[in-house]
């Protein structure tokens, strides 16, 4: 494959890819990044290999340019071109008739990592070096279009994005810039497109969560069938050899069987040695378990949950004791704390938490402790949930199965809302997912936005920043009226 320069206007290089086979031409054009020069050989296929409807000028230089670092798959590029041009008719034909690419709606450019969704969205980006008047475009700054992107381009992009999502495009695929299509839409100011991607993420996560639940039910049914079959077999054996089964000591001493689907992450965390410092707790892998920057969030959460003295509160996950300290300032009548990690419990006792008035420490996992509290008839005016190394499925089980037996009818409960906080679109998706699941479980939830301070220096010595979004959304949950 040879590449020929077609135009050099304004340092944008339009290249025509010409096949060596019988001298045939593919009619394929590539738009290179602004600011590159021929001598540097730093060509990229950024801006998505846009297909131009304008008539290209005559060849100004037919000297082949050898771009050996660019790996061109014409089938992939044709799909990306159609997506960037918002040509839905052509996209439909390409996707439906594709035989060489098994997942055509999710093809990727080998250099930029762009998918068709990235391509369709990036085509809307505003060209800061040219005006609307010069381009003959129309734009209006609105809430969903804060940067005044071209209105007609956005309208066509909406249709293309919807079509691609219907064809199975992945909502959170990453390009080489570590951006999902939603991240790209948010960055360029195409908020209507961003909302479409968020909604697609919500649908995908809800479906995955439901499939996980069905899989668990299926596993349980299989276990029951196995147990029933085993019981029938044992009954037959007992009828033949009952005298030999009188001594059960051998069965009692047998090693415990390993669960079919063990929860790896949580047990590993609970067995690890923690690094407890004044401003943070890190696990053995230097993951941040809790950090002091969360204090303002915890203070506001405690005041929202315990607005007056004399109430009963249950906190699940003590950590550094930040929220429990604020609960104490509110003067609770009873203050129960569930903490699963032995190192944290030891630190609690060293700091005298076990001798504070009204404080009851329960050492263990909430899955093991809460059923006992329900059986004892314990109920609370406020509940807070902030665990580490647990899944969203664990959280959903907590509020779907446990809260109803522990919370007073007029009580309030909340949780540390950090799901997906390492990426804005993930945070937005999981807020909506949680909101829907909470509604299904019988809870109303109100959100209060709290600005999070800049945290650049907070992550020194921490393996990964678990918080990158600008605002924290504080949840306050109650039973539905």
Protein backbone atom coordinates (compact mmCIF):
# COMPACT_ATOMS: atom_id res chain seq x y z
CA UNK A 1 0.00 0.00 0.00
CA UNK A 2 1.40 3.42 -0.97
CA UNK A 3 0.24 6.78 0.35
CA UNK A 4 0.16 9.92 -1.77
CA UNK A 5 -0.16 13.48 -0.51
CA UNK A 6 -3.35 15.07 -1.85
CA UNK A 7 -3.37 18.40 -0.04
CA UNK A 8 -1.21 20.19 2.48
CA UNK A 9 -3.53 23.09 3.30
CA UNK A 10 -3.15 24.41 6.83
CA UNK A 11 -0.83 21.58 7.80
CA UNK A 12 -3.59 19.01 7.44
CA UNK A 13 -2.45 16.17 5.22
CA UNK A 14 -5.09 14.37 3.19
CA UNK A 15 -3.58 11.10 2.04
CA UNK A 16 -4.99 8.85 -0.65
CA UNK A 17 -4.35 5.15 -0.07
CA UNK A 18 -3.60 3.48 -3.40
CA UNK A 19 -3.43 -0.28 -3.67
CA UNK A 20 -0.57 -1.87 -5.55
CA UNK A 21 -2.90 -4.52 -6.96
CA UNK A 22 -3.38 -3.73 -10.66
CA UNK A 23 -2.98 -0.06 -9.84
CA UNK A 24 -6.51 0.07 -8.46
CA UNK A 25 -7.52 2.82 -6.04
CA UNK A 26 -9.68 2.36 -2.98
CA UNK A 27 -10.90 5.94 -2.88
CA UNK A 28 -9.81 6.15 0.75
CA UNK A 29 -8.70 9.36 2.46
CA UNK A 30 -7.02 9.91 5.79
CA UNK A 31 -6.81 13.06 7.85
CA UNK A 32 -3.55 13.37 9.74
CA UNK A 33 -3.04 15.22 12.99
CA UNK A 34 -2.39 18.95 12.77
CA UNK A 35 1.17 20.01 13.35
CA UNK A 36 2.93 16.94 11.97
CA UNK A 37 5.54 17.34 9.28
CA UNK A 38 6.70 14.98 6.58
CA UNK A 39 10.24 14.83 7.90
CA UNK A 40 9.20 13.72 11.38
CA UNK A 41 7.24 10.67 10.18
CA UNK A 42 4.89 11.06 13.16
CA UNK A 43 1.71 10.43 11.25
CA UNK A 44 -1.41 9.32 13.05
CA UNK A 45 -4.87 8.52 11.85
CA UNK A 46 -6.48 10.80 14.40
CA UNK A 47 -9.73 12.65 13.72
CA UNK A 48 -10.97 9.34 12.51
CA UNK A 49 -10.04 8.96 8.94
CA UNK A 50 -12.81 11.31 7.90
CA UNK A 51 -14.30 10.69 4.48
CA UNK A 52 -14.59 14.00 2.71
CA UNK A 53 -17.46 14.76 0.41
CA UNK A 54 -15.58 17.64 -1.13
CA UNK A 55 -13.72 17.10 -4.38
CA UNK A 56 -10.05 16.68 -3.55
CA UNK A 57 -7.56 18.91 -5.35
CA UNK A 58 -5.22 17.47 -7.90
CA UNK A 59 -2.24 15.56 -6.63
CA UNK A 60 0.46 18.00 -5.62
CA UNK A 61 3.11 15.40 -4.96
CA UNK A 62 3.00 11.80 -6.16
CA UNK A 63 6.07 10.75 -4.20
CA UNK A 64 5.11 7.76 -2.06
CA UNK A 65 5.24 8.47 1.67
CA UNK A 66 6.24 5.34 3.57
CA UNK A 67 4.22 5.26 6.79
CA UNK A 68 5.31 1.83 7.95
CA UNK A 69 4.01 2.38 11.48
CA UNK A 70 0.41 2.75 10.27
CA UNK A 71 -1.39 -0.60 10.03
CA UNK A 72 -4.35 -0.11 7.71
CA UNK A 73 -7.24 -2.57 7.60
CA UNK A 74 -9.52 -1.26 4.87
CA UNK A 75 -12.60 -3.05 6.21
CA UNK A 76 -12.08 -1.48 9.63
CA UNK A 77 -11.34 1.96 8.21
CA UNK A 78 -14.38 1.89 5.96
CA UNK A 79 -16.61 1.29 9.00
CA UNK A 80 -14.88 4.04 10.97
CA UNK A 81 -15.22 6.42 8.04
CA UNK A 82 -18.93 5.78 7.72
CA UNK A 83 -19.37 6.26 11.47
CA UNK A 84 -17.45 9.54 11.46
CA UNK A 85 -19.54 10.81 8.54
CA UNK A 86 -22.75 9.68 10.31
CA UNK A 87 -23.72 7.75 7.20
CA UNK A 88 -26.17 5.33 8.81
CA UNK A 89 -27.28 3.74 5.56
CA UNK A 90 -23.72 2.83 4.67
CA UNK A 91 -22.98 1.75 8.24
CA UNK A 92 -25.98 -0.58 8.20
CA UNK A 93 -24.79 -2.14 4.96
CA UNK A 94 -21.22 -2.53 6.20
CA UNK A 95 -22.21 -4.03 9.55
CA UNK A 96 -24.90 -6.36 8.24
CA UNK A 97 -22.86 -7.64 5.27
CA UNK A 98 -19.55 -7.97 7.09
CA UNK A 99 -18.02 -11.44 6.83
CA UNK A 100 -14.36 -10.91 7.79
CA UNK A 101 -14.97 -9.05 11.07
CA UNK A 102 -16.91 -11.04 13.69
CA UNK A 103 -17.87 -7.99 15.79
CA UNK A 104 -18.05 -5.20 13.26
CA UNK A 105 -19.78 -2.67 15.55
CA UNK A 106 -16.74 -2.78 17.84
CA UNK A 107 -13.82 -2.71 15.42
CA UNK A 108 -10.83 -0.66 16.49
CA UNK A 109 -8.28 1.46 14.73
CA UNK A 110 -4.92 -0.11 15.49
CA UNK A 111 -3.28 3.25 16.18
CA UNK A 112 -5.84 5.45 17.94
CA UNK A 113 -7.96 2.67 19.43
CA UNK A 114 -11.06 4.42 18.13
CA UNK A 115 -14.23 2.34 17.78
CA UNK A 116 -17.18 3.39 15.59
CA UNK A 117 -18.72 5.05 18.67
CA UNK A 118 -15.54 7.06 19.22
CA UNK A 119 -15.55 7.96 15.53
CA UNK A 120 -19.14 9.17 15.47
CA UNK A 121 -18.62 11.32 18.56
CA UNK A 122 -15.20 12.74 17.66
CA UNK A 123 -16.59 14.00 14.35
CA UNK A 124 -18.59 16.56 16.35
CA UNK A 125 -15.54 18.18 17.94
CA UNK A 126 -15.33 21.91 17.36
CA UNK A 127 -12.52 23.19 15.15
CA UNK A 128 -11.12 26.06 17.20
CA UNK A 129 -9.13 27.41 14.25
CA UNK A 130 -12.16 28.11 12.09
CA UNK A 131 -15.35 30.04 12.69
CA UNK A 132 -18.93 28.94 12.19
CA UNK A 133 -19.42 31.62 9.55
CA UNK A 134 -16.50 30.35 7.50
CA UNK A 135 -17.74 26.78 7.65
CA UNK A 136 -21.37 27.64 7.03
CA UNK A 137 -22.40 25.78 10.18
CA UNK A 138 -24.95 26.68 12.83
CA UNK A 139 -24.34 26.38 16.54
CA UNK A 140 -26.02 27.48 19.73
CA UNK A 141 -24.72 27.25 23.29
CA UNK A 142 -27.22 25.30 25.37
CA UNK A 143 -27.18 23.18 28.52
CA UNK A 144 -26.64 20.04 26.44
CA UNK A 145 -24.25 21.82 24.06
CA UNK A 146 -22.11 24.08 26.29
CA UNK A 147 -19.33 24.51 23.71
CA UNK A 148 -21.57 25.47 20.80
CA UNK A 149 -20.89 22.44 18.60
CA UNK A 150 -22.49 22.36 15.17
CA UNK A 151 -26.19 21.62 15.68
CA UNK A 152 -26.75 19.59 12.51
CA UNK A 153 -23.66 17.49 13.13
CA UNK A 154 -24.86 16.72 16.64
CA UNK A 155 -28.30 15.71 15.35
CA UNK A 156 -26.80 13.29 12.87
CA UNK A 157 -24.38 11.99 15.53
CA UNK A 158 -27.29 11.20 17.86
CA UNK A 159 -28.84 8.97 15.20
CA UNK A 160 -25.53 7.25 14.49
CA UNK A 161 -24.75 6.64 18.17
CA UNK A 162 -28.23 5.20 18.73
CA UNK A 163 -27.82 2.94 15.71
CA UNK A 164 -24.40 1.70 16.83
CA UNK A 165 -25.67 0.95 20.33
CA UNK A 166 -28.55 -1.02 18.83
CA UNK A 167 -25.98 -2.96 16.82
CA UNK A 168 -24.14 -3.96 20.00
CA UNK A 169 -21.44 -1.28 20.28
CA UNK A 170 -19.68 -1.45 23.65
CA UNK A 171 -20.39 1.65 25.73
CA UNK A 172 -17.16 1.67 27.75
CA UNK A 173 -14.47 0.51 25.31
CA UNK A 174 -11.20 2.44 25.76
CA UNK A 175 -9.12 4.11 23.08
CA UNK A 176 -5.37 4.66 23.33
CA UNK A 177 -6.03 7.94 25.15
CA UNK A 178 -7.76 5.93 27.91
CA UNK A 179 -11.11 7.44 26.99
CA UNK A 180 -14.44 5.70 26.57
CA UNK A 181 -16.85 7.11 23.98
CA UNK A 182 -18.65 8.80 26.87
CA UNK A 183 -15.42 10.34 28.18
CA UNK A 184 -14.78 11.75 24.71
CA UNK A 185 -18.32 13.13 24.41
CA UNK A 186 -18.05 14.83 27.81
CA UNK A 187 -14.64 16.33 27.00
CA UNK A 188 -15.75 17.92 23.71
CA UNK A 189 -19.04 19.13 25.21
CA UNK A 190 -21.45 16.81 23.39
CA UNK A 191 -23.57 16.19 26.47
CA UNK A 192 -26.57 14.77 24.63
CA UNK A 193 -24.28 12.09 23.25
CA UNK A 194 -22.80 11.63 26.72
CA UNK A 195 -26.26 10.98 28.14
CA UNK A 196 -26.91 8.38 25.44
CA UNK A 197 -23.74 6.53 26.44
CA UNK A 198 -24.62 6.75 30.15
CA UNK A 199 -28.05 5.26 29.47
CA UNK A 200 -26.44 2.48 27.44
CA UNK A 201 -24.12 1.78 30.36
CA UNK A 202 -27.05 1.61 32.76
CA UNK A 203 -28.86 -0.88 30.53
CA UNK A 204 -25.75 -3.02 30.19
CA UNK A 205 -25.00 -3.04 33.93
CA UNK A 206 -28.60 -3.82 34.88
CA UNK A 207 -28.61 -6.71 32.43
CA UNK A 208 -25.29 -8.07 33.71
CA UNK A 209 -26.49 -7.80 37.31
CA UNK A 210 -29.66 -9.70 36.46
CA UNK A 211 -27.73 -12.37 34.59
CA UNK A 212 -25.43 -12.78 37.61
CA UNK A 213 -28.48 -13.20 39.82
CA UNK A 214 -29.96 -15.81 37.48
CA UNK A 215 -26.62 -17.63 37.41
CA UNK A 216 -26.59 -17.74 41.21
CA UNK A 217 -30.14 -19.10 41.24
CA UNK A 218 -29.16 -21.72 38.68
CA UNK A 219 -26.14 -22.74 40.75
CA UNK A 220 -28.33 -23.02 43.85
CA UNK A 221 -30.81 -25.24 42.00
CA UNK A 222 -28.01 -27.50 40.81
CA UNK A 223 -26.66 -27.74 44.36
CA UNK A 224 -30.12 -28.65 45.66
CA UNK A 225 -30.47 -31.34 43.01
CA UNK A 226 -27.05 -32.72 43.92
CA UNK A 227 -27.94 -32.67 47.62
CA UNK A 228 -31.25 -34.44 46.95
CA UNK A 229 -29.48 -37.08 44.92
CA UNK A 230 -26.82 -37.43 47.60
CA UNK A 231 -29.49 -37.77 50.31
CA UNK A 232 -31.23 -40.53 48.37
CA UNK A 233 -27.94 -42.37 47.97
CA UNK A 234 -27.09 -41.97 51.66
CA UNK A 235 -30.53 -43.29 52.63
CA UNK A 236 -29.92 -46.42 50.59
CA UNK A 237 -26.50 -46.88 52.19
CA UNK A 238 -27.93 -46.38 55.69
CA UNK A 239 -30.47 -49.14 55.11
CA UNK A 240 -27.66 -51.55 54.29
CA UNK A 241 -24.88 -50.47 56.68
CA UNK A 242 -26.49 -48.49 59.49
CA UNK A 243 -24.41 -50.01 62.33
CA UNK A 244 -21.19 -48.63 60.82
CA UNK A 245 -22.55 -45.06 60.86
CA UNK A 246 -23.07 -44.74 64.61
CA UNK A 247 -19.69 -43.01 65.18
CA UNK A 248 -19.80 -39.61 63.44
CA UNK A 249 -16.35 -38.47 64.58
CA UNK A 250 -14.72 -39.19 61.24
CA UNK A 251 -17.27 -37.04 59.41
CA UNK A 252 -16.83 -34.23 61.93
CA UNK A 253 -13.06 -34.24 61.50
CA UNK A 254 -13.21 -34.12 57.72
CA UNK A 255 -11.80 -30.94 56.11
CA UNK A 256 -14.31 -28.29 55.04
CA UNK A 257 -15.00 -28.33 51.32
CA UNK A 258 -13.92 -25.30 49.28
CA UNK A 259 -16.91 -23.30 47.98
CA UNK A 260 -17.65 -23.66 44.27
CA UNK A 261 -17.36 -19.88 43.73
CA UNK A 262 -15.22 -18.49 46.54
CA UNK A 263 -15.14 -14.74 47.03
CA UNK A 264 -11.42 -14.22 46.49
CA UNK A 265 -10.95 -10.49 46.93
CA UNK A 266 -12.73 -10.04 50.26
CA UNK A 267 -11.08 -12.95 52.10
CA UNK A 268 -7.67 -11.88 50.81
CA UNK A 269 -8.26 -8.39 52.16
CA UNK A 270 -9.45 -9.67 55.54
CA UNK A 271 -6.40 -11.91 55.88
CA UNK A 272 -3.91 -9.23 54.81
CA UNK A 273 -1.89 -7.05 57.16
CA UNK A 274 -2.97 -3.41 57.02
CA UNK A 275 -0.75 -0.35 57.09
CA UNK A 276 -2.66 1.98 59.44
CA UNK A 277 -1.39 5.58 59.39
CA UNK A 278 -2.74 8.86 60.72
CA UNK A 279 -4.19 9.94 57.37
CA UNK A 280 -4.83 6.65 55.60
CA UNK A 281 -5.22 2.89 55.75
CA UNK A 282 -3.55 0.84 53.02
CA UNK A 283 -3.84 -2.88 52.41
CA UNK A 284 -0.91 -5.17 51.67
CA UNK A 285 -0.98 -4.18 47.98
CA UNK A 286 -0.96 -0.43 48.78
CA UNK A 287 -4.61 0.00 47.84
CA UNK A 288 -6.33 2.83 49.66
CA UNK A 289 -8.85 1.39 52.13
CA UNK A 290 -9.75 4.76 53.66
CA UNK A 291 -8.14 8.19 53.59
CA UNK A 292 -8.45 11.38 55.59
CA UNK A 293 -9.65 13.46 52.61
CA UNK A 294 -13.04 11.72 53.04
CA UNK A 295 -13.62 13.54 56.36
CA UNK A 296 -15.92 16.28 55.03
CA UNK A 297 -18.05 13.68 53.26
CA UNK A 298 -18.29 11.63 56.46
CA UNK A 299 -19.16 14.67 58.58
CA UNK A 300 -22.05 15.64 56.30
CA UNK A 301 -23.22 12.03 56.11
CA UNK A 302 -23.28 11.70 59.90
CA UNK A 303 -25.27 14.91 60.34
CA UNK A 304 -27.77 13.90 57.65
CA UNK A 305 -28.32 10.50 59.24
CA UNK A 306 -28.37 11.63 62.88
CA UNK A 307 -29.96 15.10 62.89
CA UNK A 308 -30.76 14.99 66.62
CA UNK A 309 -29.23 13.40 69.75
CA UNK A 310 -30.59 10.26 71.37
CA UNK A 311 -30.91 8.10 68.24
CA UNK A 312 -29.61 4.59 67.59
CA UNK A 313 -27.05 4.16 64.81
CA UNK A 314 -25.39 1.18 63.14
CA UNK A 315 -22.18 1.62 61.13
CA UNK A 316 -20.84 -1.16 58.92
CA UNK A 317 -17.13 -0.68 58.31
CA UNK A 318 -15.16 1.35 60.89
CA UNK A 319 -11.94 1.89 58.90
CA UNK A 320 -10.17 4.94 60.32
CA UNK A 321 -13.19 5.72 62.50
CA UNK A 322 -13.93 8.99 60.70
CA UNK A 323 -17.69 8.61 60.39
CA UNK A 324 -17.96 6.94 63.79
CA UNK A 325 -16.24 9.95 65.33
CA UNK A 326 -18.83 12.24 63.76
CA UNK A 327 -21.64 9.93 64.88
CA UNK A 328 -20.34 10.28 68.45
CA UNK A 329 -20.50 14.07 68.15
CA UNK A 330 -24.23 13.75 67.39
CA UNK A 331 -24.86 12.14 70.80
CA UNK A 332 -26.40 8.76 69.88
CA UNK A 333 -28.23 6.67 72.49
CA UNK A 334 -26.67 3.51 71.06
CA UNK A 335 -23.84 3.13 68.57
CA UNK A 336 -23.19 -0.30 67.03
CA UNK A 337 -20.13 -0.85 64.82
CA UNK A 338 -19.48 -3.88 62.62
CA UNK A 339 -15.84 -4.33 61.57
CA UNK A 340 -14.50 -7.41 59.79
CA UNK A 341 -10.74 -6.80 59.75
CA UNK A 342 -8.84 -7.93 62.85
CA UNK A 343 -6.19 -5.18 62.48
CA UNK A 344 -8.86 -2.47 62.51
CA UNK A 345 -10.60 -4.01 65.53
CA UNK A 346 -7.27 -4.09 67.39
CA UNK A 347 -6.71 -0.41 66.53
CA UNK A 348 -10.24 0.41 67.70
CA UNK A 349 -9.56 -1.14 71.08
CA UNK A 350 -6.17 0.56 71.32
CA UNK A 351 -7.94 3.89 70.83
CA UNK A 352 -10.58 3.06 73.41
CA UNK A 353 -13.61 2.61 71.20
CA UNK A 354 -14.73 -0.43 73.17
CA UNK A 355 -15.07 1.70 76.33
CA UNK A 356 -17.02 4.62 74.82
CA UNK A 357 -20.57 5.02 76.21
CA UNK A 358 -23.18 3.24 74.13
CA UNK A 359 -20.65 1.73 71.69
CA UNK A 360 -20.99 -1.96 70.84
CA UNK A 361 -18.33 -3.51 68.58
CA UNK A 362 -19.26 -6.54 66.48
CA UNK A 363 -16.20 -8.24 64.99
CA UNK A 364 -16.96 -10.09 61.78
CA UNK A 365 -18.53 -9.75 58.35
CA UNK A 366 -21.91 -8.05 58.17
CA UNK A 367 -23.25 -11.10 56.34
CA UNK A 368 -22.69 -13.07 59.55
CA UNK A 369 -23.56 -10.38 62.11
CA UNK A 370 -26.76 -8.79 60.76
CA UNK A 371 -29.02 -11.87 60.84
CA UNK A 372 -28.26 -12.18 64.56
CA UNK A 373 -29.17 -8.54 65.19
CA UNK A 374 -32.43 -9.02 63.31
CA UNK A 375 -33.18 -12.14 65.36
CA UNK A 376 -32.58 -10.14 68.56
CA UNK A 377 -35.05 -7.50 67.40
CA UNK A 378 -32.47 -4.71 67.15
CA UNK A 379 -33.60 -1.72 65.10
CA UNK A 380 -31.84 1.52 64.31
CA UNK A 381 -32.74 5.09 63.43
CA UNK A 382 -29.71 5.34 61.14
CA UNK A 383 -27.50 2.89 59.25
CA UNK A 384 -24.30 3.62 57.33
CA UNK A 385 -22.54 1.21 54.96
CA UNK A 386 -18.89 1.60 53.97
CA UNK A 387 -17.06 -1.65 53.34
CA UNK A 388 -13.92 -2.51 51.37
CA UNK A 389 -13.27 -5.22 48.77
CA UNK A 390 -16.91 -6.06 48.26
CA UNK A 391 -18.88 -6.08 45.02
CA UNK A 392 -21.96 -4.19 43.95
CA UNK A 393 -23.79 -7.50 44.27
CA UNK A 394 -22.87 -7.60 47.97
CA UNK A 395 -24.16 -4.06 48.40
CA UNK A 396 -27.40 -4.87 46.59
CA UNK A 397 -27.89 -7.89 48.85
CA UNK A 398 -27.35 -5.65 51.88
CA UNK A 399 -30.07 -3.14 51.07
CA UNK A 400 -32.43 -5.64 49.45
CA UNK A 401 -32.33 -8.27 52.19
CA UNK A 402 -30.99 -6.77 55.43
CA UNK A 403 -31.96 -3.11 55.82
CA UNK A 404 -35.69 -3.83 55.94
CA UNK A 405 -35.26 -5.82 59.15
CA UNK A 406 -32.95 -3.32 60.87
CA UNK A 407 -34.19 0.18 60.02
CA UNK A 408 -36.96 1.92 61.92
CA UNK A 409 -39.92 2.88 59.74
CA UNK A 410 -38.97 6.58 59.84
CA UNK A 411 -35.25 5.84 59.86
CA UNK A 412 -32.56 6.89 57.39
CA UNK A 413 -29.63 5.07 55.93
CA UNK A 414 -26.74 5.92 53.65
CA UNK A 415 -23.55 4.56 52.14
CA UNK A 416 -20.19 5.75 50.91
CA UNK A 417 -20.97 6.42 47.27
CA UNK A 418 -17.67 5.54 45.63
CA UNK A 419 -18.87 3.11 42.96
CA UNK A 420 -17.11 3.85 39.68
CA UNK A 421 -15.47 7.00 41.06
CA UNK A 422 -12.28 6.39 39.08
CA UNK A 423 -14.09 7.62 35.93
CA UNK A 424 -16.92 10.17 35.65
CA UNK A 425 -19.05 8.13 33.27
CA UNK A 426 -18.79 5.05 35.48
CA UNK A 427 -19.83 7.14 38.48
CA UNK A 428 -22.85 8.47 36.59
CA UNK A 429 -23.82 5.01 35.38
CA UNK A 430 -23.67 3.42 38.82
CA UNK A 431 -25.62 6.24 40.42
CA UNK A 432 -28.50 5.45 38.08
CA UNK A 433 -28.11 1.69 38.53
CA UNK A 434 -28.16 2.06 42.32
CA UNK A 435 -31.13 4.42 42.14
CA UNK A 436 -33.15 1.88 40.16
CA UNK A 437 -32.20 -1.03 42.41
CA UNK A 438 -32.99 1.02 45.52
CA UNK A 439 -36.41 1.86 44.08
CA UNK A 440 -37.03 -1.82 43.39
CA UNK A 441 -36.07 -2.62 47.01
CA UNK A 442 -38.56 -0.04 48.33
CA UNK A 443 -36.37 2.99 49.04
CA UNK A 444 -36.43 6.63 48.03
CA UNK A 445 -33.00 8.22 47.67
CA UNK A 446 -32.01 11.88 47.64
CA UNK A 447 -28.60 13.04 46.45
CA UNK A 448 -26.60 16.01 47.71
CA UNK A 449 -23.64 17.13 45.60
CA UNK A 450 -20.48 17.96 47.52
CA UNK A 451 -17.41 19.44 45.83
CA UNK A 452 -14.32 17.31 46.36
CA UNK A 453 -11.03 19.20 46.84
CA UNK A 454 -8.12 18.65 44.48
CA UNK A 455 -6.46 15.38 45.48
CA UNK A 456 -3.25 15.33 43.41
CA UNK A 457 -0.92 14.94 46.39
CA UNK A 458 -3.15 12.50 48.22
CA UNK A 459 -2.21 9.49 46.11
CA UNK A 460 1.52 9.39 46.81
CA UNK A 461 2.34 5.88 47.97
CA UNK A 462 -1.10 4.62 46.95
CA UNK A 463 -1.29 2.02 44.21
CA UNK A 464 -4.25 3.58 42.40
CA UNK A 465 -6.37 6.68 42.78
CA UNK A 466 -9.85 5.46 43.64
CA UNK A 467 -11.38 8.93 43.28
CA UNK A 468 -11.05 11.21 40.23
CA UNK A 469 -14.51 12.80 39.83
CA UNK A 470 -15.13 16.41 40.83
CA UNK A 471 -18.26 16.07 42.97
CA UNK A 472 -19.37 13.52 45.54
CA UNK A 473 -23.06 12.61 45.53
CA UNK A 474 -24.15 11.99 49.09
CA UNK A 475 -27.09 9.55 49.26
CA UNK A 476 -29.84 9.70 51.89
CA UNK A 477 -32.23 6.75 51.73
CA UNK A 478 -35.62 6.22 53.37
CA UNK A 479 -38.48 3.78 53.06
CA UNK A 480 -40.99 4.81 50.41
CA UNK A 481 -44.16 6.44 51.71
